[in-house]
Amino acid sequence: MERHVDQELKGLKDDILKMGALAEEAIYRSVEALKSRDKELAQGVIDDDSNIDKLELAVDEKCIDLIARYQPMAGDLRFITTGMKINGELERIADIAVDIAQRTLELVDKPLLKPLVDIPRLTAVAQSMVKMAIDSFVNGDIELAKKVLMSDPQANQLRDLIHKELVEDYMLKDSSTAPRAVQLILIARFLERICDHTTNIAEDVIYMVQAEVVKHHPEKLK
């Protein structure tokens, strides 16, 4: 027989899914604004962040209320506390999308420094990691969570590649390119930070499902 709390836990899961969808959309729109040099789209990411902040607070309150009313134990408690942590990670991911949008606004009125190739590639990795991380939480899928963790080195490599190219091929050869190059370097770093937050989510999912801490213990992923 289904417990009353199960319906409320399902509601929490749905809220986390909504947070994930909003965070994914913010990432997409912030980089799309950069690619299309669209001020209005970039500003929209910044303006819409308050809605994500409100949802984060509502989800946190729901989690605290569930703990207070049901005093859950074991798996239910891990699910709720993991939901709170993931909620916070997603809000920070959305904040980083705002950072990208702000850097985009600094660039849109200036000539394009170079064709955007690796930043969209890094964006695709970040979006994929966010989606996998949320799906792993919703489905309690440890293997998918591990795929998130295994994807992080690719994000680091792309960030380093972008940094190296902008410094060596542009800034060192022509100092006038530095202001635009620095903004692109920051955007690459922001995208890599998004990937770091998804690895935090994946580690939390693994703990939620099997009560095992894998943070700082990569050998446990084998």
N, C-alpha and C. Protein backbone atom coordinates (compact mmCIF):
# COMPACT_ATOMS: atom_id res chain seq x y z
N MET A 1 0.84 -1.20 0.00
CA MET A 1 0.00 0.00 0.00
C MET A 1 0.88 1.25 0.00
N GLU A 2 0.54 2.20 -0.83
CA GLU A 2 1.33 3.41 -0.93
C GLU A 2 1.16 4.27 0.31
N ARG A 3 2.27 4.75 0.83
CA ARG A 3 2.23 5.63 1.98
C ARG A 3 1.89 7.05 1.51
N HIS A 4 1.31 7.84 2.41
CA HIS A 4 1.00 9.24 2.06
C HIS A 4 2.27 10.00 1.72
N VAL A 5 3.36 9.70 2.42
CA VAL A 5 4.61 10.41 2.19
C VAL A 5 5.15 10.15 0.79
N ASP A 6 4.80 9.00 0.20
CA ASP A 6 5.31 8.69 -1.14
C ASP A 6 4.86 9.73 -2.17
N GLN A 7 3.61 10.19 -2.04
CA GLN A 7 3.12 11.20 -2.96
C GLN A 7 3.89 12.51 -2.79
N GLU A 8 4.22 12.82 -1.57
CA GLU A 8 4.97 14.06 -1.31
C GLU A 8 6.41 13.94 -1.79
N LEU A 9 6.98 12.75 -1.67
CA LEU A 9 8.33 12.54 -2.19
C LEU A 9 8.34 12.63 -3.71
N LYS A 10 7.27 12.15 -4.33
CA LYS A 10 7.15 12.27 -5.78
C LYS A 10 7.07 13.74 -6.17
N GLY A 11 6.34 14.53 -5.37
CA GLY A 11 6.25 15.96 -5.63
C GLY A 11 7.60 16.63 -5.53
N LEU A 12 8.40 16.20 -4.54
CA LEU A 12 9.75 16.74 -4.40
C LEU A 12 10.60 16.39 -5.62
N LYS A 13 10.46 15.14 -6.07
CA LYS A 13 11.20 14.71 -7.25
C LYS A 13 10.82 15.57 -8.47
N ASP A 14 9.53 15.86 -8.61
CA ASP A 14 9.07 16.69 -9.72
C ASP A 14 9.65 18.10 -9.64
N ASP A 15 9.75 18.63 -8.42
CA ASP A 15 10.31 19.97 -8.24
C ASP A 15 11.79 20.00 -8.63
N ILE A 16 12.52 18.93 -8.27
CA ILE A 16 13.94 18.86 -8.64
C ILE A 16 14.08 18.77 -10.16
N LEU A 17 13.18 18.00 -10.78
CA LEU A 17 13.18 17.93 -12.24
C LEU A 17 12.96 19.30 -12.86
N LYS A 18 12.04 20.07 -12.29
CA LYS A 18 11.78 21.42 -12.81
C LYS A 18 13.00 22.31 -12.63
N MET A 19 13.65 22.22 -11.47
CA MET A 19 14.87 22.99 -11.24
C MET A 19 15.93 22.62 -12.27
N GLY A 20 16.06 21.32 -12.54
CA GLY A 20 17.04 20.86 -13.52
C GLY A 20 16.75 21.39 -14.90
N ALA A 21 15.47 21.37 -15.28
CA ALA A 21 15.08 21.87 -16.60
C ALA A 21 15.37 23.36 -16.73
N LEU A 22 15.10 24.12 -15.67
CA LEU A 22 15.36 25.56 -15.70
C LEU A 22 16.86 25.85 -15.78
N ALA A 23 17.65 25.05 -15.05
CA ALA A 23 19.10 25.24 -15.09
C ALA A 23 19.65 24.92 -16.47
N GLU A 24 19.19 23.80 -17.05
CA GLU A 24 19.62 23.43 -18.41
C GLU A 24 19.26 24.53 -19.40
N GLU A 25 18.06 25.06 -19.29
CA GLU A 25 17.61 26.10 -20.21
C GLU A 25 18.46 27.36 -20.06
N ALA A 26 18.81 27.70 -18.82
CA ALA A 26 19.63 28.89 -18.59
C ALA A 26 21.01 28.74 -19.22
N ILE A 27 21.58 27.55 -19.11
CA ILE A 27 22.89 27.30 -19.75
C ILE A 27 22.76 27.49 -21.25
N TYR A 28 21.75 26.84 -21.84
CA TYR A 28 21.56 26.91 -23.29
C TYR A 28 21.38 28.35 -23.75
N ARG A 29 20.51 29.09 -23.08
CA ARG A 29 20.21 30.45 -23.51
C ARG A 29 21.42 31.37 -23.36
N SER A 30 22.19 31.17 -22.31
CA SER A 30 23.34 32.06 -22.09
C SER A 30 24.38 31.90 -23.20
N VAL A 31 24.63 30.65 -23.61
CA VAL A 31 25.62 30.42 -24.66
C VAL A 31 25.03 30.73 -26.03
N GLU A 32 23.74 30.46 -26.21
CA GLU A 32 23.09 30.82 -27.47
C GLU A 32 23.15 32.34 -27.67
N ALA A 33 23.00 33.09 -26.59
CA ALA A 33 23.11 34.55 -26.67
C ALA A 33 24.51 34.96 -27.11
N LEU A 34 25.52 34.25 -26.62
CA LEU A 34 26.90 34.52 -27.03
C LEU A 34 27.08 34.21 -28.51
N LYS A 35 26.59 33.06 -28.95
CA LYS A 35 26.76 32.65 -30.35
C LYS A 35 26.04 33.59 -31.30
N SER A 36 24.84 34.01 -30.92
CA SER A 36 24.03 34.85 -31.80
C SER A 36 24.21 36.34 -31.52
N ARG A 37 25.01 36.65 -30.48
CA ARG A 37 25.28 38.04 -30.10
C ARG A 37 23.96 38.77 -29.84
N ASP A 38 23.17 38.13 -28.98
CA ASP A 38 21.80 38.59 -28.71
C ASP A 38 21.72 39.17 -27.29
N LYS A 39 21.70 40.49 -27.20
CA LYS A 39 21.64 41.15 -25.89
C LYS A 39 20.36 40.80 -25.14
N GLU A 40 19.26 40.80 -25.86
CA GLU A 40 17.96 40.55 -25.23
C GLU A 40 17.91 39.16 -24.61
N LEU A 41 18.46 38.18 -25.31
CA LEU A 41 18.46 36.81 -24.79
C LEU A 41 19.35 36.71 -23.56
N ALA A 42 20.51 37.35 -23.60
CA ALA A 42 21.41 37.34 -22.44
C ALA A 42 20.76 38.02 -21.24
N GLN A 43 20.11 39.14 -21.48
CA GLN A 43 19.45 39.85 -20.38
C GLN A 43 18.30 39.03 -19.82
N GLY A 44 17.64 38.26 -20.67
CA GLY A 44 16.56 37.41 -20.21
C GLY A 44 17.03 36.36 -19.22
N VAL A 45 18.22 35.80 -19.46
CA VAL A 45 18.79 34.83 -18.52
C VAL A 45 18.99 35.48 -17.15
N ILE A 46 19.50 36.69 -17.17
CA ILE A 46 19.75 37.42 -15.92
C ILE A 46 18.43 37.72 -15.20
N ASP A 47 17.46 38.19 -15.96
CA ASP A 47 16.17 38.58 -15.36
C ASP A 47 15.40 37.38 -14.80
N ASP A 48 15.51 36.24 -15.47
CA ASP A 48 14.74 35.06 -15.07
C ASP A 48 15.34 34.33 -13.87
N ASP A 49 16.54 34.72 -13.46
CA ASP A 49 17.19 33.99 -12.36
C ASP A 49 16.41 34.10 -11.06
N SER A 50 15.68 35.18 -10.88
CA SER A 50 14.91 35.34 -9.64
C SER A 50 13.85 34.25 -9.50
N ASN A 51 13.31 33.78 -10.63
CA ASN A 51 12.32 32.70 -10.57
C ASN A 51 12.96 31.40 -10.07
N ILE A 52 14.20 31.15 -10.49
CA ILE A 52 14.91 29.96 -10.05
C ILE A 52 15.24 30.07 -8.56
N ASP A 53 15.62 31.27 -8.13
CA ASP A 53 15.91 31.49 -6.71
C ASP A 53 14.67 31.20 -5.85
N LYS A 54 13.51 31.64 -6.32
CA LYS A 54 12.27 31.42 -5.57
C LYS A 54 11.95 29.93 -5.48
N LEU A 55 12.16 29.22 -6.59
CA LEU A 55 11.89 27.78 -6.58
C LEU A 55 12.85 27.06 -5.64
N GLU A 56 14.10 27.49 -5.63
CA GLU A 56 15.07 26.86 -4.72
C GLU A 56 14.62 26.99 -3.27
N LEU A 57 14.17 28.19 -2.89
CA LEU A 57 13.71 28.40 -1.52
C LEU A 57 12.49 27.54 -1.21
N ALA A 58 11.58 27.44 -2.17
CA ALA A 58 10.37 26.64 -1.97
C ALA A 58 10.71 25.16 -1.79
N VAL A 59 11.66 24.66 -2.57
CA VAL A 59 12.06 23.25 -2.47
C VAL A 59 12.74 23.00 -1.13
N ASP A 60 13.59 23.91 -0.70
CA ASP A 60 14.24 23.75 0.61
C ASP A 60 13.21 23.70 1.72
N GLU A 61 12.22 24.58 1.65
CA GLU A 61 11.17 24.60 2.67
C GLU A 61 10.38 23.30 2.67
N LYS A 62 10.11 22.78 1.48
CA LYS A 62 9.38 21.51 1.37
C LYS A 62 10.18 20.38 2.03
N CYS A 63 11.49 20.36 1.78
CA CYS A 63 12.34 19.31 2.37
C CYS A 63 12.34 19.39 3.89
N ILE A 64 12.47 20.59 4.40
CA ILE A 64 12.47 20.76 5.85
C ILE A 64 11.13 20.35 6.45
N ASP A 65 10.05 20.70 5.76
CA ASP A 65 8.71 20.33 6.22
C ASP A 65 8.52 18.82 6.23
N LEU A 66 9.02 18.14 5.19
CA LEU A 66 8.90 16.69 5.12
C LEU A 66 9.65 16.02 6.27
N ILE A 67 10.84 16.53 6.57
CA ILE A 67 11.63 15.96 7.67
C ILE A 67 10.92 16.20 9.00
N ALA A 68 10.36 17.40 9.18
CA ALA A 68 9.70 17.73 10.45
C ALA A 68 8.43 16.90 10.66
N ARG A 69 7.66 16.69 9.59
CA ARG A 69 6.36 16.01 9.74
C ARG A 69 6.48 14.49 9.78
N TYR A 70 7.41 13.94 9.02
CA TYR A 70 7.46 12.48 8.89
C TYR A 70 8.63 11.84 9.64
N GLN A 71 9.60 12.66 10.04
CA GLN A 71 10.80 12.13 10.69
C GLN A 71 11.31 10.88 9.97
N PRO A 72 11.61 11.03 8.68
CA PRO A 72 12.00 9.88 7.87
C PRO A 72 13.33 9.28 8.32
N MET A 73 13.52 8.02 7.95
CA MET A 73 14.76 7.33 8.28
C MET A 73 15.31 6.66 7.03
N ALA A 74 16.56 6.23 7.11
CA ALA A 74 17.22 5.44 6.07
C ALA A 74 17.04 6.06 4.68
N GLY A 75 16.47 5.28 3.74
CA GLY A 75 16.39 5.69 2.35
C GLY A 75 15.60 6.97 2.14
N ASP A 76 14.48 7.12 2.84
CA ASP A 76 13.67 8.32 2.69
C ASP A 76 14.44 9.56 3.14
N LEU A 77 15.14 9.43 4.25
CA LEU A 77 15.92 10.57 4.76
C LEU A 77 17.03 10.93 3.80
N ARG A 78 17.71 9.92 3.26
CA ARG A 78 18.79 10.20 2.30
C ARG A 78 18.21 10.86 1.04
N PHE A 79 17.02 10.42 0.62
CA PHE A 79 16.39 11.01 -0.57
C PHE A 79 16.11 12.49 -0.35
N ILE A 80 15.53 12.82 0.80
CA ILE A 80 15.16 14.22 1.07
C ILE A 80 16.40 15.09 1.22
N THR A 81 17.39 14.62 1.98
CA THR A 81 18.58 15.45 2.18
C THR A 81 19.38 15.58 0.88
N THR A 82 19.38 14.52 0.07
CA THR A 82 20.03 14.62 -1.24
C THR A 82 19.29 15.62 -2.12
N GLY A 83 17.96 15.60 -2.05
CA GLY A 83 17.18 16.56 -2.81
C GLY A 83 17.53 17.99 -2.44
N MET A 84 17.73 18.24 -1.16
CA MET A 84 18.12 19.58 -0.72
C MET A 84 19.47 19.98 -1.29
N LYS A 85 20.41 19.05 -1.26
CA LYS A 85 21.75 19.37 -1.77
C LYS A 85 21.74 19.59 -3.28
N ILE A 86 21.01 18.74 -3.99
CA ILE A 86 20.93 18.89 -5.45
C ILE A 86 20.22 20.19 -5.81
N ASN A 87 19.20 20.54 -5.06
CA ASN A 87 18.49 21.80 -5.26
C ASN A 87 19.47 22.98 -5.20
N GLY A 88 20.36 22.95 -4.22
CA GLY A 88 21.35 24.01 -4.09
C GLY A 88 22.35 24.02 -5.23
N GLU A 89 22.77 22.83 -5.65
CA GLU A 89 23.72 22.74 -6.76
C GLU A 89 23.10 23.30 -8.05
N LEU A 90 21.83 23.00 -8.28
CA LEU A 90 21.16 23.48 -9.49
C LEU A 90 20.99 25.00 -9.46
N GLU A 91 20.73 25.54 -8.28
CA GLU A 91 20.62 27.00 -8.18
C GLU A 91 21.96 27.66 -8.49
N ARG A 92 23.05 27.03 -8.03
CA ARG A 92 24.38 27.58 -8.33
C ARG A 92 24.70 27.46 -9.82
N ILE A 93 24.27 26.36 -10.43
CA ILE A 93 24.46 26.20 -11.88
C ILE A 93 23.74 27.33 -12.62
N ALA A 94 22.51 27.63 -12.20
CA ALA A 94 21.76 28.72 -12.83
C ALA A 94 22.46 30.07 -12.61
N ASP A 95 23.05 30.25 -11.44
CA ASP A 95 23.82 31.47 -11.18
C ASP A 95 25.00 31.60 -12.13
N ILE A 96 25.64 30.47 -12.42
CA ILE A 96 26.78 30.49 -13.33
C ILE A 96 26.32 30.84 -14.75
N ALA A 97 25.13 30.37 -15.13
CA ALA A 97 24.57 30.76 -16.42
C ALA A 97 24.38 32.27 -16.49
N VAL A 98 24.00 32.86 -15.36
CA VAL A 98 23.90 34.33 -15.29
C VAL A 98 25.27 34.96 -15.49
N ASP A 99 26.29 34.38 -14.88
CA ASP A 99 27.66 34.90 -15.07
C ASP A 99 28.04 34.88 -16.55
N ILE A 100 27.68 33.79 -17.24
CA ILE A 100 27.98 33.68 -18.67
C ILE A 100 27.23 34.76 -19.44
N ALA A 101 25.96 34.96 -19.09
CA ALA A 101 25.16 35.98 -19.77
C ALA A 101 25.76 37.37 -19.55
N GLN A 102 26.26 37.63 -18.36
CA GLN A 102 26.87 38.93 -18.08
C GLN A 102 28.15 39.14 -18.90
N ARG A 103 28.95 38.07 -19.02
CA ARG A 103 30.16 38.16 -19.86
C ARG A 103 29.76 38.36 -21.33
N THR A 104 28.66 37.73 -21.73
CA THR A 104 28.17 37.88 -23.10
C THR A 104 27.82 39.33 -23.40
N LEU A 105 27.17 39.99 -22.44
CA LEU A 105 26.82 41.39 -22.62
C LEU A 105 28.06 42.27 -22.79
N GLU A 106 29.18 41.84 -22.22
CA GLU A 106 30.43 42.58 -22.38
C GLU A 106 31.01 42.40 -23.79
N LEU A 107 30.60 41.35 -24.47
CA LEU A 107 31.20 40.99 -25.76
C LEU A 107 30.37 41.34 -26.98
N VAL A 108 29.07 41.46 -26.82
CA VAL A 108 28.20 41.51 -28.01
C VAL A 108 28.44 42.72 -28.91
N ASP A 109 28.91 43.81 -28.35
CA ASP A 109 29.13 45.01 -29.16
C ASP A 109 30.55 45.09 -29.72
N LYS A 110 31.35 44.05 -29.45
CA LYS A 110 32.73 44.05 -29.93
C LYS A 110 32.89 43.03 -31.05
N PRO A 111 33.87 43.24 -31.93
CA PRO A 111 34.09 42.27 -33.02
C PRO A 111 34.38 40.88 -32.46
N LEU A 112 33.88 39.87 -33.14
CA LEU A 112 34.10 38.49 -32.72
C LEU A 112 35.58 38.16 -32.82
N LEU A 113 36.17 37.70 -31.73
CA LEU A 113 37.60 37.43 -31.70
C LEU A 113 37.96 36.24 -32.57
N LYS A 114 37.14 35.19 -32.51
CA LYS A 114 37.39 33.96 -33.26
C LYS A 114 36.09 33.20 -33.39
N PRO A 115 36.01 32.31 -34.37
CA PRO A 115 34.81 31.46 -34.46
C PRO A 115 34.64 30.64 -33.18
N LEU A 116 33.42 30.54 -32.72
CA LEU A 116 33.16 29.78 -31.50
C LEU A 116 32.98 28.31 -31.85
N VAL A 117 33.97 27.51 -31.45
CA VAL A 117 33.94 26.08 -31.73
C VAL A 117 33.99 25.28 -30.43
N ASP A 118 35.02 25.52 -29.63
CA ASP A 118 35.22 24.71 -28.43
C ASP A 118 34.29 25.11 -27.29
N ILE A 119 33.89 26.38 -27.22
CA ILE A 119 32.94 26.77 -26.17
C ILE A 119 31.59 26.07 -26.37
N PRO A 120 31.04 26.03 -27.59
CA PRO A 120 29.81 25.24 -27.78
C PRO A 120 30.02 23.75 -27.46
N ARG A 121 31.20 23.22 -27.76
CA ARG A 121 31.48 21.81 -27.42
C ARG A 121 31.46 21.61 -25.91
N LEU A 122 32.08 22.53 -25.19
CA LEU A 122 32.09 22.44 -23.73
C LEU A 122 30.68 22.63 -23.18
N THR A 123 29.91 23.50 -23.80
CA THR A 123 28.52 23.70 -23.39
C THR A 123 27.73 22.41 -23.54
N ALA A 124 27.93 21.70 -24.65
CA ALA A 124 27.22 20.45 -24.88
C ALA A 124 27.57 19.42 -23.81
N VAL A 125 28.85 19.37 -23.42
CA VAL A 125 29.27 18.45 -22.35
C VAL A 125 28.58 18.83 -21.05
N ALA A 126 28.56 20.13 -20.74
CA ALA A 126 27.95 20.59 -19.49
C ALA A 126 26.46 20.27 -19.46
N GLN A 127 25.76 20.53 -20.57
CA GLN A 127 24.33 20.25 -20.62
C GLN A 127 24.05 18.76 -20.48
N SER A 128 24.87 17.95 -21.13
CA SER A 128 24.71 16.50 -21.04
C SER A 128 24.92 16.02 -19.61
N MET A 129 25.94 16.58 -18.94
CA MET A 129 26.23 16.17 -17.56
C MET A 129 25.10 16.57 -16.62
N VAL A 130 24.53 17.76 -16.83
CA VAL A 130 23.41 18.19 -15.99
C VAL A 130 22.23 17.23 -16.17
N LYS A 131 21.92 16.92 -17.42
CA LYS A 131 20.78 16.03 -17.69
C LYS A 131 21.01 14.65 -17.09
N MET A 132 22.21 14.09 -17.30
CA MET A 132 22.51 12.77 -16.74
C MET A 132 22.43 12.79 -15.22
N ALA A 133 22.94 13.86 -14.61
CA ALA A 133 22.94 13.94 -13.15
C ALA A 133 21.52 13.96 -12.60
N ILE A 134 20.64 14.76 -13.23
CA ILE A 134 19.25 14.81 -12.78
C ILE A 134 18.55 13.49 -13.02
N ASP A 135 18.77 12.89 -14.17
CA ASP A 135 18.15 11.59 -14.46
C ASP A 135 18.63 10.52 -13.48
N SER A 136 19.90 10.59 -13.11
CA SER A 136 20.42 9.60 -12.16
C SER A 136 19.73 9.74 -10.81
N PHE A 137 19.43 10.99 -10.42
CA PHE A 137 18.72 11.22 -9.16
C PHE A 137 17.28 10.70 -9.24
N VAL A 138 16.59 11.07 -10.31
CA VAL A 138 15.18 10.70 -10.45
C VAL A 138 15.01 9.19 -10.48
N ASN A 139 15.92 8.50 -11.16
CA ASN A 139 15.80 7.05 -11.34
C ASN A 139 16.64 6.24 -10.35
N GLY A 140 17.39 6.94 -9.48
CA GLY A 140 18.26 6.22 -8.56
C GLY A 140 19.28 5.37 -9.29
N ASP A 141 19.83 5.92 -10.39
CA ASP A 141 20.68 5.16 -11.31
C ASP A 141 22.16 5.44 -11.02
N ILE A 142 22.80 4.52 -10.33
CA ILE A 142 24.20 4.69 -9.96
C ILE A 142 25.11 4.69 -11.19
N GLU A 143 24.83 3.83 -12.15
CA GLU A 143 25.69 3.75 -13.33
C GLU A 143 25.67 5.05 -14.12
N LEU A 144 24.51 5.68 -14.19
CA LEU A 144 24.42 6.97 -14.88
C LEU A 144 25.17 8.04 -14.08
N ALA A 145 25.08 7.98 -12.76
CA ALA A 145 25.84 8.92 -11.93
C ALA A 145 27.34 8.75 -12.16
N LYS A 146 27.77 7.52 -12.32
CA LYS A 146 29.20 7.27 -12.59
C LYS A 146 29.61 7.84 -13.95
N LYS A 147 28.70 7.78 -14.93
CA LYS A 147 29.00 8.36 -16.24
C LYS A 147 29.22 9.87 -16.13
N VAL A 148 28.47 10.50 -15.25
CA VAL A 148 28.67 11.94 -15.01
C VAL A 148 30.09 12.18 -14.51
N LEU A 149 30.49 11.40 -13.53
CA LEU A 149 31.83 11.56 -12.95
C LEU A 149 32.92 11.29 -13.98
N MET A 150 32.69 10.32 -14.85
CA MET A 150 33.68 9.98 -15.86
C MET A 150 33.74 11.02 -17.00
N SER A 151 32.71 11.86 -17.10
CA SER A 151 32.69 12.89 -18.15
C SER A 151 33.48 14.14 -17.75
N ASP A 152 33.75 14.29 -16.47
CA ASP A 152 34.37 15.53 -16.00
C ASP A 152 35.76 15.79 -16.60
N PRO A 153 36.61 14.77 -16.77
CA PRO A 153 37.92 15.03 -17.39
C PRO A 153 37.81 15.65 -18.79
N GLN A 154 36.79 15.26 -19.55
CA GLN A 154 36.60 15.85 -20.88
C GLN A 154 36.32 17.35 -20.76
N ALA A 155 35.53 17.72 -19.78
CA ALA A 155 35.24 19.15 -19.56
C ALA A 155 36.51 19.90 -19.19
N ASN A 156 37.33 19.30 -18.34
CA ASN A 156 38.59 19.94 -17.95
C ASN A 156 39.51 20.12 -19.15
N GLN A 157 39.57 19.11 -19.99
CA GLN A 157 40.43 19.18 -21.18
C GLN A 157 39.98 20.29 -22.13
N LEU A 158 38.68 20.41 -22.34
CA LEU A 158 38.17 21.46 -23.21
C LEU A 158 38.44 22.84 -22.63
N ARG A 159 38.24 22.99 -21.33
CA ARG A 159 38.55 24.28 -20.69
C ARG A 159 40.01 24.64 -20.89
N ASP A 160 40.91 23.67 -20.67
CA ASP A 160 42.34 23.93 -20.82
C ASP A 160 42.69 24.26 -22.27
N LEU A 161 42.05 23.58 -23.21
CA LEU A 161 42.30 23.83 -24.63
C LEU A 161 41.89 25.25 -25.01
N ILE A 162 40.74 25.66 -24.54
CA ILE A 162 40.25 27.02 -24.82
C ILE A 162 41.20 28.06 -24.23
N HIS A 163 41.60 27.85 -22.99
CA HIS A 163 42.52 28.77 -22.31
C HIS A 163 43.84 28.87 -23.07
N LYS A 164 44.39 27.74 -23.43
CA LYS A 164 45.69 27.70 -24.11
C LYS A 164 45.62 28.44 -25.45
N GLU A 165 44.59 28.17 -26.23
CA GLU A 165 44.47 28.80 -27.54
C GLU A 165 44.32 30.31 -27.42
N LEU A 166 43.48 30.76 -26.51
CA LEU A 166 43.24 32.19 -26.38
C LEU A 166 44.48 32.94 -25.89
N VAL A 167 45.21 32.31 -25.00
CA VAL A 167 46.43 32.96 -24.50
C VAL A 167 47.53 32.95 -25.55
N GLU A 168 47.82 31.76 -26.09
CA GLU A 168 48.98 31.63 -26.97
C GLU A 168 48.74 32.17 -28.37
N ASP A 169 47.54 31.99 -28.90
CA ASP A 169 47.28 32.38 -30.28
C ASP A 169 46.74 33.80 -30.43
N TYR A 170 46.29 34.38 -29.31
CA TYR A 170 45.71 35.71 -29.40
C TYR A 170 46.37 36.71 -28.45
N MET A 171 46.27 36.49 -27.15
CA MET A 171 46.75 37.48 -26.18
C MET A 171 48.25 37.74 -26.30
N LEU A 172 49.05 36.68 -26.45
CA LEU A 172 50.50 36.86 -26.52
C LEU A 172 50.94 37.46 -27.86
N LYS A 173 50.14 37.25 -28.90
CA LYS A 173 50.49 37.77 -30.22
C LYS A 173 49.96 39.18 -30.45
N ASP A 174 48.88 39.52 -29.78
CA ASP A 174 48.27 40.84 -29.96
C ASP A 174 47.57 41.23 -28.66
N SER A 175 48.20 42.08 -27.88
CA SER A 175 47.67 42.43 -26.55
C SER A 175 46.31 43.11 -26.63
N SER A 176 45.97 43.69 -27.79
CA SER A 176 44.67 44.37 -27.91
C SER A 176 43.51 43.38 -27.85
N THR A 177 43.80 42.10 -28.05
CA THR A 177 42.74 41.08 -27.99
C THR A 177 42.44 40.65 -26.55
N ALA A 178 43.26 41.08 -25.61
CA ALA A 178 43.16 40.58 -24.23
C ALA A 178 41.77 40.77 -23.60
N PRO A 179 41.15 41.96 -23.71
CA PRO A 179 39.84 42.10 -23.05
C PRO A 179 38.80 41.10 -23.54
N ARG A 180 38.76 40.85 -24.86
CA ARG A 180 37.79 39.88 -25.39
C ARG A 180 38.21 38.45 -25.05
N ALA A 181 39.50 38.18 -25.12
CA ALA A 181 39.98 36.82 -24.81
C ALA A 181 39.71 36.46 -23.35
N VAL A 182 39.90 37.41 -22.46
CA VAL A 182 39.68 37.14 -21.03
C VAL A 182 38.22 36.78 -20.78
N GLN A 183 37.29 37.48 -21.45
CA GLN A 183 35.88 37.17 -21.26
C GLN A 183 35.57 35.75 -21.72
N LEU A 184 36.16 35.32 -22.83
CA LEU A 184 35.93 33.95 -23.33
C LEU A 184 36.56 32.92 -22.39
N ILE A 185 37.74 33.25 -21.85
CA ILE A 185 38.38 32.35 -20.88
C ILE A 185 37.49 32.19 -19.65
N LEU A 186 36.91 33.29 -19.19
CA LEU A 186 36.02 33.22 -18.03
C LEU A 186 34.80 32.37 -18.34
N ILE A 187 34.23 32.52 -19.54
CA ILE A 187 33.06 31.72 -19.91
C ILE A 187 33.41 30.23 -19.90
N ALA A 188 34.59 29.89 -20.42
CA ALA A 188 35.03 28.48 -20.41
C ALA A 188 35.17 27.98 -18.97
N ARG A 189 35.71 28.81 -18.10
CA ARG A 189 35.85 28.42 -16.69
C ARG A 189 34.49 28.25 -16.04
N PHE A 190 33.54 29.13 -16.37
CA PHE A 190 32.20 29.01 -15.82
C PHE A 190 31.56 27.69 -16.25
N LEU A 191 31.71 27.35 -17.52
CA LEU A 191 31.13 26.10 -18.01
C LEU A 191 31.74 24.89 -17.32
N GLU A 192 33.04 24.94 -17.08
CA GLU A 192 33.70 23.82 -16.39
C GLU A 192 33.22 23.74 -14.95
N ARG A 193 32.95 24.90 -14.33
CA ARG A 193 32.42 24.89 -12.96
C ARG A 193 31.03 24.26 -12.91
N ILE A 194 30.24 24.49 -13.95
CA ILE A 194 28.93 23.82 -14.03
C ILE A 194 29.13 22.31 -13.99
N CYS A 195 30.12 21.83 -14.74
CA CYS A 195 30.41 20.39 -14.74
C CYS A 195 30.82 19.91 -13.37
N ASP A 196 31.58 20.73 -12.64
CA ASP A 196 31.97 20.37 -11.27
C ASP A 196 30.74 20.21 -10.38
N HIS A 197 29.77 21.10 -10.55
CA HIS A 197 28.55 20.99 -9.73
C HIS A 197 27.77 19.73 -10.08
N THR A 198 27.81 19.33 -11.35
CA THR A 198 27.10 18.09 -11.70
C THR A 198 27.78 16.88 -11.08
N THR A 199 29.11 16.92 -10.95
CA THR A 199 29.79 15.79 -10.29
C THR A 199 29.39 15.72 -8.82
N ASN A 200 29.17 16.89 -8.20
CA ASN A 200 28.69 16.89 -6.81
C ASN A 200 27.33 16.20 -6.73
N ILE A 201 26.46 16.49 -7.70
CA ILE A 201 25.14 15.85 -7.73
C ILE A 201 25.29 14.34 -7.88
N ALA A 202 26.15 13.93 -8.80
CA ALA A 202 26.33 12.49 -9.04
C ALA A 202 26.86 11.79 -7.79
N GLU A 203 27.80 12.41 -7.09
CA GLU A 203 28.32 11.82 -5.86
C GLU A 203 27.22 11.69 -4.81
N ASP A 204 26.36 12.71 -4.74
CA ASP A 204 25.25 12.66 -3.78
C ASP A 204 24.27 11.55 -4.14
N VAL A 205 24.04 11.34 -5.43
CA VAL A 205 23.12 10.28 -5.86
C VAL A 205 23.67 8.92 -5.45
N ILE A 206 24.95 8.71 -5.63
CA ILE A 206 25.55 7.43 -5.25
C ILE A 206 25.40 7.20 -3.75
N TYR A 207 25.59 8.27 -2.97
CA TYR A 207 25.39 8.14 -1.52
C TYR A 207 23.93 7.85 -1.21
N MET A 208 23.01 8.53 -1.91
CA MET A 208 21.59 8.33 -1.66
C MET A 208 21.18 6.88 -1.89
N VAL A 209 21.68 6.29 -2.96
CA VAL A 209 21.24 4.95 -3.35
C VAL A 209 21.91 3.86 -2.52
N GLN A 210 23.22 3.99 -2.31
CA GLN A 210 23.90 2.88 -1.63
C GLN A 210 24.65 3.28 -0.35
N ALA A 211 24.35 4.49 0.15
CA ALA A 211 24.92 4.96 1.41
C ALA A 211 26.44 4.84 1.43
N GLU A 212 27.06 5.14 0.30
CA GLU A 212 28.51 5.06 0.19
C GLU A 212 29.06 6.39 -0.28
N VAL A 213 30.04 6.93 0.44
CA VAL A 213 30.66 8.20 0.08
C VAL A 213 31.78 7.94 -0.92
N VAL A 214 31.65 8.52 -2.13
CA VAL A 214 32.68 8.35 -3.15
C VAL A 214 33.48 9.63 -3.36
N LYS A 215 33.04 10.72 -2.75
CA LYS A 215 33.79 11.96 -2.88
C LYS A 215 35.19 11.78 -2.31
N HIS A 216 36.19 12.17 -3.09
CA HIS A 216 37.60 12.01 -2.74
C HIS A 216 38.05 10.55 -2.73
N HIS A 217 37.18 9.64 -3.20
CA HIS A 217 37.54 8.22 -3.24
C HIS A 217 37.21 7.63 -4.61
N PRO A 218 37.94 8.03 -5.65
CA PRO A 218 37.63 7.55 -7.01
C PRO A 218 37.75 6.04 -7.17
N GLU A 219 38.52 5.40 -6.30
CA GLU A 219 38.69 3.95 -6.40
C GLU A 219 37.37 3.22 -6.15
N LYS A 220 36.42 3.87 -5.47
CA LYS A 220 35.14 3.24 -5.16
C LYS A 220 34.21 3.21 -6.37
N LEU A 221 34.59 3.91 -7.43
CA LEU A 221 33.74 3.95 -8.62
C LEU A 221 33.93 2.72 -9.50
N LYS A 222 34.96 1.94 -9.25
CA LYS A 222 35.27 0.79 -10.11
C LYS A 222 34.33 -0.37 -9.79
